[in-house]
Amino acid sequence: MGNLTLNGATSGQITLSPTAVAGTNTITLPAATGTVLTTAGGQTISGTTTVSTLAATTINATTIQIGGNQAVNGPAFSYYQSVASSLPSSTFTKVTFTALDFDTTGGMYASSRFTPTISGYYMITGGYYVNNSGTTLASIYKNGTEYKRGVQVVSNGTSAYVTGIVYCNGSTDYVEIYGYQSAATQNTTTGIALTYFQGVMVRGA
């Protein structure tokens, strides 16, 4: 049996055309009323609470939009310092964060640098503590250039923190945390509560 032709309700025809295959294959239609989706149809699934589940390891697509382009299960990471790093006087210096808190990025974070492979908008937060009372700053650096500068808090030493939303193109853009302090060379104070670098995807591109 070859093609099966169905007449349209008022005009035209639809032809079901099986391809040439080896062996026997079965297509099972569900006992439900609905519209068949096709690769070229551009249909929209709406008005239902539950739709079919896609059971796949990888879905290849340029853009997947869910509820207005929200980030769902996007990359997130949190690292902190367990070994102090040195900040020289009066120059912005990259701060290192090598101790793992959590990381769902699958390798996007390496050498205290976050390079997301998914384009979108990321909330980035970083901070550190040094035992001085001079000017102390923390900045988000994007692609090696200062992008957002934070604030300092002076209390028995100085903490510097920065937070901001950074767009990353999903290929070449990367983010780091830099610190500046005006006293003689200082070592950062370690610990998950004091010196950390965190990021999470908040919206798709």
N, C-alpha and C. Protein backbone atom coordinates (compact mmCIF):
# COMPACT_ATOMS: atom_id res chain seq x y z
N MET A 1 0.85 -1.19 0.00
CA MET A 1 0.00 0.00 0.00
C MET A 1 0.89 1.23 0.00
N GLY A 2 0.57 2.20 -0.86
CA GLY A 2 1.38 3.40 -0.95
C GLY A 2 0.76 4.55 -0.21
N ASN A 3 0.59 5.69 -0.90
CA ASN A 3 0.04 6.87 -0.27
C ASN A 3 -1.44 6.68 0.05
N LEU A 4 -1.87 7.37 1.13
CA LEU A 4 -3.28 7.40 1.51
C LEU A 4 -3.75 8.84 1.40
N THR A 5 -4.76 9.09 0.55
CA THR A 5 -5.25 10.44 0.31
C THR A 5 -6.58 10.65 1.00
N LEU A 6 -6.67 11.74 1.78
CA LEU A 6 -7.89 12.11 2.49
C LEU A 6 -8.43 13.41 1.91
N ASN A 7 -9.73 13.43 1.60
CA ASN A 7 -10.35 14.64 1.10
C ASN A 7 -10.58 15.62 2.24
N GLY A 8 -10.35 16.92 1.96
CA GLY A 8 -10.60 17.94 2.96
C GLY A 8 -12.08 18.09 3.24
N ALA A 9 -12.43 18.71 4.36
CA ALA A 9 -13.83 18.84 4.76
C ALA A 9 -14.64 19.60 3.71
N THR A 10 -14.05 20.63 3.11
CA THR A 10 -14.76 21.41 2.10
C THR A 10 -14.02 21.44 0.77
N SER A 11 -12.71 21.33 0.81
CA SER A 11 -11.93 21.34 -0.43
C SER A 11 -10.53 20.81 -0.16
N GLY A 12 -9.82 20.51 -1.22
CA GLY A 12 -8.44 20.09 -1.09
C GLY A 12 -8.27 18.68 -0.57
N GLN A 13 -7.05 18.26 -0.47
CA GLN A 13 -6.73 16.92 -0.03
C GLN A 13 -5.49 16.92 0.86
N ILE A 14 -5.40 15.92 1.72
CA ILE A 14 -4.21 15.67 2.51
C ILE A 14 -3.73 14.26 2.17
N THR A 15 -2.46 14.16 1.84
CA THR A 15 -1.90 12.86 1.48
C THR A 15 -0.93 12.39 2.55
N LEU A 16 -1.19 11.20 3.08
CA LEU A 16 -0.27 10.56 4.00
C LEU A 16 0.69 9.72 3.17
N SER A 17 1.97 10.08 3.23
CA SER A 17 2.95 9.46 2.34
C SER A 17 4.05 8.79 3.15
N PRO A 18 4.00 7.47 3.31
CA PRO A 18 5.07 6.78 4.04
C PRO A 18 6.36 6.75 3.22
N THR A 19 7.48 6.84 3.92
CA THR A 19 8.77 6.76 3.25
C THR A 19 9.15 5.30 3.04
N ALA A 20 10.15 5.09 2.22
CA ALA A 20 10.63 3.73 1.99
C ALA A 20 11.44 3.28 3.21
N VAL A 21 11.01 2.21 3.84
CA VAL A 21 11.69 1.72 5.05
C VAL A 21 11.87 0.22 4.96
N ALA A 22 12.84 -0.28 5.70
CA ALA A 22 13.04 -1.72 5.80
C ALA A 22 12.30 -2.24 7.02
N GLY A 23 11.58 -3.33 6.87
CA GLY A 23 10.87 -3.90 8.01
C GLY A 23 9.52 -3.23 8.22
N THR A 24 9.00 -3.41 9.41
CA THR A 24 7.67 -2.90 9.75
C THR A 24 7.78 -1.90 10.89
N ASN A 25 7.13 -0.76 10.73
CA ASN A 25 7.11 0.28 11.76
C ASN A 25 5.67 0.63 12.09
N THR A 26 5.43 1.02 13.35
CA THR A 26 4.08 1.32 13.81
C THR A 26 4.01 2.72 14.39
N ILE A 27 3.03 3.50 13.95
CA ILE A 27 2.73 4.80 14.55
C ILE A 27 1.42 4.66 15.31
N THR A 28 1.43 4.93 16.60
CA THR A 28 0.24 4.80 17.44
C THR A 28 -0.35 6.18 17.71
N LEU A 29 -1.61 6.36 17.33
CA LEU A 29 -2.30 7.62 17.58
C LEU A 29 -2.98 7.55 18.93
N PRO A 30 -2.87 8.60 19.75
CA PRO A 30 -3.49 8.58 21.08
C PRO A 30 -5.00 8.68 21.01
N ALA A 31 -5.65 8.17 22.05
CA ALA A 31 -7.11 8.28 22.14
C ALA A 31 -7.47 9.63 22.72
N ALA A 32 -7.23 10.68 21.94
CA ALA A 32 -7.46 12.05 22.39
C ALA A 32 -7.74 12.93 21.20
N THR A 33 -8.47 14.00 21.44
CA THR A 33 -8.78 14.96 20.38
C THR A 33 -7.72 16.06 20.38
N GLY A 34 -7.19 16.39 19.21
CA GLY A 34 -6.19 17.43 19.15
C GLY A 34 -5.70 17.63 17.74
N THR A 35 -4.68 18.46 17.61
CA THR A 35 -4.10 18.78 16.32
C THR A 35 -2.71 18.19 16.23
N VAL A 36 -2.42 17.56 15.12
CA VAL A 36 -1.10 16.98 14.90
C VAL A 36 -0.11 18.10 14.59
N LEU A 37 1.06 18.07 15.27
CA LEU A 37 2.09 19.08 15.05
C LEU A 37 3.06 18.57 13.98
N THR A 38 3.50 19.48 13.12
CA THR A 38 4.47 19.13 12.10
C THR A 38 5.66 20.07 12.16
N THR A 39 6.76 19.67 11.53
CA THR A 39 7.97 20.48 11.58
C THR A 39 7.80 21.82 10.86
N ALA A 40 6.91 21.89 9.89
CA ALA A 40 6.74 23.13 9.12
C ALA A 40 5.46 23.87 9.46
N GLY A 41 4.68 23.33 10.41
CA GLY A 41 3.37 23.92 10.66
C GLY A 41 3.38 25.17 11.50
N GLY A 42 4.37 25.29 12.42
CA GLY A 42 4.43 26.47 13.30
C GLY A 42 3.30 26.56 14.29
N GLN A 43 2.75 25.41 14.71
CA GLN A 43 1.63 25.45 15.65
C GLN A 43 2.10 25.83 17.05
N THR A 44 1.15 26.29 17.85
CA THR A 44 1.41 26.67 19.23
C THR A 44 0.63 25.76 20.17
N ILE A 45 1.31 25.21 21.16
CA ILE A 45 0.62 24.42 22.18
C ILE A 45 0.18 25.38 23.28
N SER A 46 -1.11 25.43 23.53
CA SER A 46 -1.63 26.34 24.56
C SER A 46 -2.93 25.80 25.10
N GLY A 47 -3.33 26.38 26.23
CA GLY A 47 -4.63 26.04 26.79
C GLY A 47 -4.68 24.71 27.51
N THR A 48 -3.52 24.11 27.79
CA THR A 48 -3.51 22.84 28.50
C THR A 48 -2.62 22.93 29.73
N THR A 49 -2.95 22.15 30.72
CA THR A 49 -2.14 22.11 31.93
C THR A 49 -0.96 21.18 31.75
N THR A 50 -1.18 20.04 31.10
CA THR A 50 -0.13 19.05 30.92
C THR A 50 0.02 18.71 29.44
N VAL A 51 1.25 18.70 28.96
CA VAL A 51 1.52 18.28 27.59
C VAL A 51 2.50 17.12 27.65
N SER A 52 2.76 16.52 26.50
CA SER A 52 3.66 15.37 26.46
C SER A 52 5.04 15.74 26.98
N THR A 53 5.71 14.78 27.58
CA THR A 53 7.06 14.98 28.11
C THR A 53 8.08 14.62 27.04
N LEU A 54 9.09 15.47 26.87
CA LEU A 54 10.18 15.17 25.95
C LEU A 54 11.26 14.46 26.74
N ALA A 55 11.42 13.18 26.49
CA ALA A 55 12.41 12.38 27.20
C ALA A 55 13.67 12.31 26.35
N ALA A 56 14.55 13.29 26.52
CA ALA A 56 15.77 13.33 25.71
C ALA A 56 16.89 13.93 26.52
N THR A 57 18.10 13.49 26.26
CA THR A 57 19.27 14.06 26.92
C THR A 57 19.58 15.44 26.38
N THR A 58 19.45 15.62 25.07
CA THR A 58 19.78 16.88 24.42
C THR A 58 18.66 17.30 23.49
N ILE A 59 18.28 18.57 23.57
CA ILE A 59 17.33 19.14 22.64
C ILE A 59 18.07 20.21 21.85
N ASN A 60 18.21 20.02 20.56
CA ASN A 60 18.92 20.97 19.72
C ASN A 60 17.96 22.04 19.22
N ALA A 61 18.19 23.27 19.64
CA ALA A 61 17.33 24.37 19.22
C ALA A 61 18.09 25.67 19.34
N THR A 62 17.75 26.62 18.49
CA THR A 62 18.35 27.94 18.58
C THR A 62 17.82 28.67 19.81
N THR A 63 16.51 28.61 20.04
CA THR A 63 15.89 29.28 21.17
C THR A 63 14.75 28.43 21.70
N ILE A 64 14.70 28.23 23.00
CA ILE A 64 13.56 27.60 23.64
C ILE A 64 12.97 28.62 24.60
N GLN A 65 11.72 29.01 24.36
CA GLN A 65 11.08 30.02 25.18
C GLN A 65 10.04 29.35 26.07
N ILE A 66 10.13 29.63 27.36
CA ILE A 66 9.20 29.09 28.34
C ILE A 66 8.68 30.24 29.18
N GLY A 67 7.40 30.51 29.08
CA GLY A 67 6.78 31.54 29.91
C GLY A 67 7.43 32.90 29.77
N GLY A 68 7.63 33.38 28.55
CA GLY A 68 8.21 34.71 28.36
C GLY A 68 9.72 34.73 28.48
N ASN A 69 10.37 33.67 28.02
CA ASN A 69 11.83 33.62 27.99
C ASN A 69 12.46 33.60 29.37
N GLN A 70 11.86 32.88 30.29
CA GLN A 70 12.43 32.75 31.62
C GLN A 70 13.57 31.74 31.61
N ALA A 71 14.48 31.92 32.54
CA ALA A 71 15.58 30.95 32.70
C ALA A 71 15.10 29.84 33.61
N VAL A 72 15.07 28.63 33.10
CA VAL A 72 14.62 27.47 33.88
C VAL A 72 15.79 26.49 33.97
N ASN A 73 16.22 26.20 35.20
CA ASN A 73 17.36 25.30 35.41
C ASN A 73 18.59 25.77 34.65
N GLY A 74 18.80 27.09 34.62
CA GLY A 74 19.99 27.64 33.97
C GLY A 74 21.23 27.46 34.83
N PRO A 75 22.39 27.82 34.31
CA PRO A 75 23.64 27.65 35.05
C PRO A 75 23.65 28.46 36.35
N ALA A 76 24.23 27.89 37.38
CA ALA A 76 24.41 28.58 38.66
C ALA A 76 25.68 28.04 39.32
N PHE A 77 26.41 28.93 40.01
CA PHE A 77 27.64 28.49 40.67
C PHE A 77 27.91 29.33 41.90
N SER A 78 28.69 28.79 42.80
CA SER A 78 29.14 29.51 43.99
C SER A 78 30.48 28.94 44.43
N TYR A 79 31.51 29.78 44.45
CA TYR A 79 32.84 29.40 44.90
C TYR A 79 33.29 30.40 45.97
N TYR A 80 34.24 29.98 46.79
CA TYR A 80 34.77 30.86 47.83
C TYR A 80 36.26 30.59 48.00
N GLN A 81 36.88 31.33 48.91
CA GLN A 81 38.31 31.16 49.16
C GLN A 81 38.57 30.28 50.38
N SER A 82 39.41 29.28 50.19
CA SER A 82 39.92 28.52 51.32
C SER A 82 41.40 28.79 51.53
N VAL A 83 42.04 29.41 50.54
CA VAL A 83 43.45 29.83 50.62
C VAL A 83 43.51 31.31 50.27
N ALA A 84 44.10 32.11 51.14
CA ALA A 84 44.13 33.56 50.95
C ALA A 84 44.90 33.94 49.69
N SER A 85 44.47 35.02 49.06
CA SER A 85 45.22 35.57 47.93
C SER A 85 45.70 36.97 48.28
N SER A 86 46.73 37.40 47.60
CA SER A 86 47.38 38.68 47.92
C SER A 86 46.84 39.78 47.02
N LEU A 87 46.52 40.92 47.63
CA LEU A 87 46.09 42.10 46.88
C LEU A 87 47.15 43.18 47.07
N PRO A 88 47.88 43.54 46.03
CA PRO A 88 48.87 44.62 46.15
C PRO A 88 48.19 45.96 46.35
N SER A 89 48.97 46.97 46.66
CA SER A 89 48.43 48.29 46.96
C SER A 89 48.05 49.04 45.69
N SER A 90 46.86 49.64 45.73
CA SER A 90 46.42 50.65 44.76
C SER A 90 46.41 50.16 43.32
N THR A 91 46.00 48.91 43.10
CA THR A 91 45.82 48.41 41.74
C THR A 91 44.74 47.34 41.74
N PHE A 92 43.92 47.33 40.72
CA PHE A 92 42.90 46.30 40.62
C PHE A 92 43.57 44.96 40.26
N THR A 93 43.27 43.94 41.06
CA THR A 93 43.87 42.63 40.91
C THR A 93 42.78 41.56 40.95
N LYS A 94 42.91 40.57 40.09
CA LYS A 94 41.93 39.48 40.07
C LYS A 94 41.97 38.71 41.39
N VAL A 95 40.79 38.47 41.95
CA VAL A 95 40.65 37.69 43.18
C VAL A 95 40.34 36.24 42.79
N THR A 96 40.98 35.29 43.46
CA THR A 96 40.79 33.88 43.13
C THR A 96 39.82 33.22 44.10
N PHE A 97 38.99 32.33 43.56
CA PHE A 97 37.99 31.60 44.33
C PHE A 97 38.04 30.14 43.84
N THR A 98 38.59 29.25 44.64
CA THR A 98 38.83 27.89 44.18
C THR A 98 38.09 26.82 44.97
N ALA A 99 37.49 27.18 46.10
CA ALA A 99 36.77 26.20 46.90
C ALA A 99 35.31 26.14 46.46
N LEU A 100 34.81 24.93 46.25
CA LEU A 100 33.46 24.73 45.70
C LEU A 100 32.39 24.81 46.78
N ASP A 101 31.37 25.62 46.52
CA ASP A 101 30.13 25.59 47.29
C ASP A 101 29.11 24.76 46.49
N PHE A 102 28.76 25.22 45.29
CA PHE A 102 27.97 24.40 44.35
C PHE A 102 28.26 24.90 42.94
N ASP A 103 28.00 24.04 41.95
CA ASP A 103 28.27 24.39 40.56
C ASP A 103 27.44 23.49 39.64
N THR A 104 26.48 24.10 38.92
CA THR A 104 25.65 23.35 37.97
C THR A 104 26.02 23.69 36.53
N THR A 105 27.18 24.33 36.33
CA THR A 105 27.50 24.88 35.01
C THR A 105 28.13 23.87 34.06
N GLY A 106 28.55 22.73 34.56
CA GLY A 106 29.15 21.74 33.70
C GLY A 106 30.46 22.17 33.06
N GLY A 107 31.27 22.91 33.80
CA GLY A 107 32.58 23.30 33.30
C GLY A 107 32.70 24.73 32.81
N MET A 108 31.65 25.53 32.95
CA MET A 108 31.71 26.94 32.51
C MET A 108 32.58 27.79 33.45
N TYR A 109 32.79 27.31 34.68
CA TYR A 109 33.63 28.02 35.65
C TYR A 109 34.97 27.31 35.74
N ALA A 110 36.06 28.06 35.51
CA ALA A 110 37.41 27.50 35.61
C ALA A 110 38.39 28.63 35.87
N SER A 111 39.36 28.38 36.73
CA SER A 111 40.42 29.35 37.05
C SER A 111 39.84 30.69 37.49
N SER A 112 38.80 30.63 38.34
CA SER A 112 38.15 31.83 38.89
C SER A 112 37.55 32.71 37.79
N ARG A 113 37.18 32.11 36.69
CA ARG A 113 36.54 32.81 35.57
C ARG A 113 35.28 32.06 35.16
N PHE A 114 34.19 32.81 34.93
CA PHE A 114 32.94 32.23 34.48
C PHE A 114 32.73 32.58 33.02
N THR A 115 32.67 31.56 32.16
CA THR A 115 32.47 31.74 30.73
C THR A 115 31.24 30.94 30.32
N PRO A 116 30.04 31.51 30.41
CA PRO A 116 28.83 30.74 30.12
C PRO A 116 28.72 30.39 28.65
N THR A 117 28.29 29.17 28.38
CA THR A 117 28.06 28.73 27.01
C THR A 117 26.60 28.84 26.61
N ILE A 118 25.79 29.44 27.46
CA ILE A 118 24.39 29.72 27.16
C ILE A 118 24.20 31.23 27.22
N SER A 119 23.76 31.83 26.12
CA SER A 119 23.60 33.28 26.10
C SER A 119 22.43 33.69 26.99
N GLY A 120 22.59 34.82 27.68
CA GLY A 120 21.54 35.31 28.55
C GLY A 120 22.05 36.34 29.52
N TYR A 121 21.22 36.66 30.50
CA TYR A 121 21.52 37.68 31.51
C TYR A 121 21.80 36.98 32.84
N TYR A 122 22.92 37.33 33.45
CA TYR A 122 23.40 36.63 34.64
C TYR A 122 23.54 37.60 35.81
N MET A 123 23.00 37.21 36.96
CA MET A 123 23.23 37.94 38.20
C MET A 123 24.56 37.48 38.78
N ILE A 124 25.50 38.42 38.88
CA ILE A 124 26.85 38.12 39.37
C ILE A 124 27.07 38.84 40.70
N THR A 125 27.61 38.13 41.68
CA THR A 125 27.89 38.70 43.00
C THR A 125 29.27 38.25 43.45
N GLY A 126 30.03 39.16 44.01
CA GLY A 126 31.34 38.81 44.54
C GLY A 126 31.69 39.68 45.73
N GLY A 127 32.55 39.17 46.59
CA GLY A 127 32.97 39.97 47.74
C GLY A 127 34.19 39.37 48.42
N TYR A 128 34.88 40.19 49.20
CA TYR A 128 36.05 39.72 49.94
C TYR A 128 36.27 40.62 51.15
N TYR A 129 37.13 40.18 52.06
CA TYR A 129 37.41 40.90 53.29
C TYR A 129 38.92 41.02 53.46
N VAL A 130 39.39 42.22 53.82
CA VAL A 130 40.80 42.43 54.17
C VAL A 130 40.86 43.18 55.49
N ASN A 131 41.96 43.01 56.19
CA ASN A 131 42.09 43.59 57.52
C ASN A 131 42.76 44.96 57.46
N ASN A 132 42.10 45.90 56.79
CA ASN A 132 42.58 47.29 56.82
C ASN A 132 41.38 48.23 56.80
N SER A 133 41.63 49.50 56.91
CA SER A 133 40.53 50.47 56.93
C SER A 133 40.65 51.47 55.79
N GLY A 134 41.48 51.17 54.81
CA GLY A 134 41.63 52.07 53.67
C GLY A 134 40.55 51.85 52.63
N THR A 135 40.72 52.45 51.48
CA THR A 135 39.79 52.27 50.38
C THR A 135 39.87 50.84 49.87
N THR A 136 38.74 50.18 49.84
CA THR A 136 38.67 48.78 49.40
C THR A 136 37.48 48.63 48.46
N LEU A 137 37.73 48.11 47.25
CA LEU A 137 36.68 48.03 46.24
C LEU A 137 36.65 46.64 45.63
N ALA A 138 35.48 46.24 45.18
CA ALA A 138 35.31 45.01 44.41
C ALA A 138 34.60 45.36 43.12
N SER A 139 35.03 44.78 42.02
CA SER A 139 34.44 45.08 40.72
C SER A 139 34.21 43.80 39.92
N ILE A 140 33.12 43.80 39.17
CA ILE A 140 32.89 42.77 38.17
C ILE A 140 33.64 43.19 36.91
N TYR A 141 34.48 42.30 36.40
CA TYR A 141 35.18 42.54 35.14
C TYR A 141 34.56 41.64 34.06
N LYS A 142 34.22 42.25 32.94
CA LYS A 142 33.71 41.50 31.80
C LYS A 142 34.72 41.58 30.66
N ASN A 143 35.18 40.43 30.22
CA ASN A 143 36.16 40.35 29.13
C ASN A 143 37.41 41.18 29.43
N GLY A 144 37.83 41.18 30.71
CA GLY A 144 39.06 41.84 31.10
C GLY A 144 38.96 43.32 31.37
N THR A 145 37.72 43.87 31.34
CA THR A 145 37.51 45.30 31.56
C THR A 145 36.49 45.51 32.66
N GLU A 146 36.74 46.52 33.53
CA GLU A 146 35.81 46.79 34.62
C GLU A 146 34.41 47.08 34.06
N TYR A 147 33.42 46.41 34.63
CA TYR A 147 32.04 46.53 34.15
C TYR A 147 31.10 47.11 35.20
N LYS A 148 31.18 46.62 36.45
CA LYS A 148 30.38 47.14 37.55
C LYS A 148 31.25 47.22 38.80
N ARG A 149 31.19 48.38 39.47
CA ARG A 149 31.96 48.57 40.70
C ARG A 149 31.02 48.57 41.89
N GLY A 150 31.46 47.92 42.98
CA GLY A 150 30.61 47.79 44.16
C GLY A 150 30.95 48.78 45.25
N VAL A 151 30.65 48.42 46.48
CA VAL A 151 30.80 49.30 47.64
C VAL A 151 31.68 48.63 48.68
N GLN A 152 32.16 49.45 49.65
CA GLN A 152 32.93 48.90 50.76
C GLN A 152 32.19 49.13 52.06
N VAL A 153 32.44 48.22 53.00
CA VAL A 153 31.86 48.32 54.34
C VAL A 153 33.00 48.24 55.34
N VAL A 154 33.16 49.27 56.16
CA VAL A 154 34.27 49.34 57.12
C VAL A 154 33.76 48.98 58.50
N SER A 155 34.31 47.90 59.09
CA SER A 155 33.97 47.49 60.45
C SER A 155 35.01 46.48 60.91
N ASN A 156 35.97 46.92 61.72
CA ASN A 156 37.08 46.07 62.17
C ASN A 156 37.79 45.41 60.98
N GLY A 157 38.09 46.21 59.99
CA GLY A 157 38.58 45.72 58.72
C GLY A 157 37.63 46.22 57.64
N THR A 158 37.82 45.78 56.43
CA THR A 158 36.99 46.28 55.34
C THR A 158 36.51 45.15 54.45
N SER A 159 35.23 45.14 54.18
CA SER A 159 34.64 44.22 53.22
C SER A 159 34.27 44.99 51.96
N ALA A 160 34.42 44.38 50.82
CA ALA A 160 34.03 45.00 49.56
C ALA A 160 33.15 44.01 48.81
N TYR A 161 32.01 44.50 48.32
CA TYR A 161 31.06 43.64 47.66
C TYR A 161 30.55 44.31 46.38
N VAL A 162 30.19 43.48 45.40
CA VAL A 162 29.66 44.01 44.15
C VAL A 162 28.61 43.02 43.62
N THR A 163 27.58 43.55 43.03
CA THR A 163 26.57 42.72 42.38
C THR A 163 26.05 43.46 41.15
N GLY A 164 25.68 42.72 40.14
CA GLY A 164 25.16 43.34 38.93
C GLY A 164 24.65 42.28 37.97
N ILE A 165 23.87 42.71 37.00
CA ILE A 165 23.37 41.82 35.95
C ILE A 165 24.23 42.02 34.71
N VAL A 166 24.77 40.94 34.19
CA VAL A 166 25.70 40.99 33.08
C VAL A 166 25.16 40.14 31.93
N TYR A 167 25.09 40.73 30.75
CA TYR A 167 24.72 39.95 29.57
C TYR A 167 25.95 39.23 29.04
N CYS A 168 25.82 37.94 28.76
CA CYS A 168 26.90 37.16 28.17
C CYS A 168 26.40 36.48 26.90
N ASN A 169 27.22 36.51 25.86
CA ASN A 169 26.76 36.04 24.54
C ASN A 169 26.78 34.53 24.37
N GLY A 170 27.24 33.80 25.36
CA GLY A 170 27.20 32.34 25.29
C GLY A 170 28.37 31.72 24.56
N SER A 171 29.35 32.54 24.19
CA SER A 171 30.52 31.99 23.51
C SER A 171 31.82 32.62 24.02
N THR A 172 32.02 33.90 23.78
CA THR A 172 33.31 34.54 24.10
C THR A 172 33.28 35.38 25.38
N ASP A 173 32.13 35.80 25.84
CA ASP A 173 32.06 36.67 27.03
C ASP A 173 32.42 35.89 28.29
N TYR A 174 33.21 36.53 29.18
CA TYR A 174 33.53 35.91 30.45
C TYR A 174 33.54 36.96 31.56
N VAL A 175 33.42 36.48 32.80
CA VAL A 175 33.26 37.36 33.96
C VAL A 175 34.24 36.94 35.05
N GLU A 176 34.84 37.94 35.73
CA GLU A 176 35.74 37.70 36.85
C GLU A 176 35.48 38.76 37.92
N ILE A 177 36.04 38.54 39.10
CA ILE A 177 35.96 39.51 40.20
C ILE A 177 37.36 40.05 40.46
N TYR A 178 37.45 41.38 40.50
CA TYR A 178 38.72 42.06 40.80
C TYR A 178 38.57 42.86 42.09
N GLY A 179 39.69 43.01 42.80
CA GLY A 179 39.70 43.78 44.03
C GLY A 179 40.75 44.88 44.01
N TYR A 180 40.48 45.92 44.79
CA TYR A 180 41.39 47.07 44.91
C TYR A 180 41.43 47.46 46.38
N GLN A 181 42.64 47.69 46.90
CA GLN A 181 42.76 48.22 48.26
C GLN A 181 43.96 49.16 48.31
N SER A 182 43.84 50.22 49.12
CA SER A 182 44.79 51.32 49.07
C SER A 182 45.93 51.23 50.08
N ALA A 183 45.88 50.25 51.00
CA ALA A 183 46.94 50.12 52.00
C ALA A 183 48.10 49.33 51.40
N ALA A 184 49.07 48.98 52.25
CA ALA A 184 50.14 48.09 51.79
C ALA A 184 49.54 46.75 51.40
N THR A 185 50.32 45.92 50.75
CA THR A 185 49.82 44.63 50.27
C THR A 185 49.08 43.88 51.39
N GLN A 186 47.89 43.40 51.07
CA GLN A 186 47.05 42.71 52.05
C GLN A 186 46.65 41.33 51.52
N ASN A 187 46.46 40.41 52.45
CA ASN A 187 45.90 39.11 52.11
C ASN A 187 44.41 39.11 52.39
N THR A 188 43.65 38.52 51.49
CA THR A 188 42.21 38.40 51.74
C THR A 188 41.97 37.41 52.87
N THR A 189 40.84 37.56 53.53
CA THR A 189 40.44 36.64 54.59
C THR A 189 39.58 35.54 53.99
N THR A 190 39.91 34.30 54.27
CA THR A 190 39.21 33.18 53.64
C THR A 190 37.89 32.88 54.35
N GLY A 191 37.08 32.06 53.69
CA GLY A 191 35.84 31.61 54.31
C GLY A 191 34.65 31.83 53.39
N ILE A 192 33.70 30.90 53.46
CA ILE A 192 32.53 30.94 52.59
C ILE A 192 31.66 32.16 52.83
N ALA A 193 31.71 32.72 54.03
CA ALA A 193 30.87 33.88 54.35
C ALA A 193 31.52 35.21 53.98
N LEU A 194 32.85 35.22 53.74
CA LEU A 194 33.56 36.49 53.59
C LEU A 194 34.08 36.74 52.18
N THR A 195 34.56 35.73 51.50
CA THR A 195 35.22 35.93 50.21
C THR A 195 34.66 34.92 49.22
N TYR A 196 33.79 35.38 48.32
CA TYR A 196 33.04 34.45 47.47
C TYR A 196 32.72 35.07 46.11
N PHE A 197 32.37 34.21 45.17
CA PHE A 197 32.03 34.59 43.80
C PHE A 197 30.85 33.70 43.39
N GLN A 198 29.70 34.33 43.05
CA GLN A 198 28.51 33.58 42.73
C GLN A 198 27.88 34.12 41.44
N GLY A 199 27.13 33.26 40.75
CA GLY A 199 26.42 33.70 39.57
C GLY A 199 25.28 32.77 39.24
N VAL A 200 24.24 33.32 38.61
CA VAL A 200 23.08 32.51 38.21
C VAL A 200 22.44 33.18 37.01
N MET A 201 21.96 32.37 36.09
CA MET A 201 21.24 32.88 34.92
C MET A 201 19.84 33.29 35.35
N VAL A 202 19.46 34.54 35.06
CA VAL A 202 18.15 35.04 35.48
C VAL A 202 17.19 35.22 34.31
N ARG A 203 17.73 35.27 33.07
CA ARG A 203 16.86 35.40 31.90
C ARG A 203 17.61 34.97 30.65
N GLY A 204 16.94 34.28 29.78
CA GLY A 204 17.53 33.90 28.53
C GLY A 204 17.73 35.09 27.61
N ALA A 205 18.54 34.91 26.58
CA ALA A 205 18.82 36.00 25.65
C ALA A 205 17.60 36.30 24.78
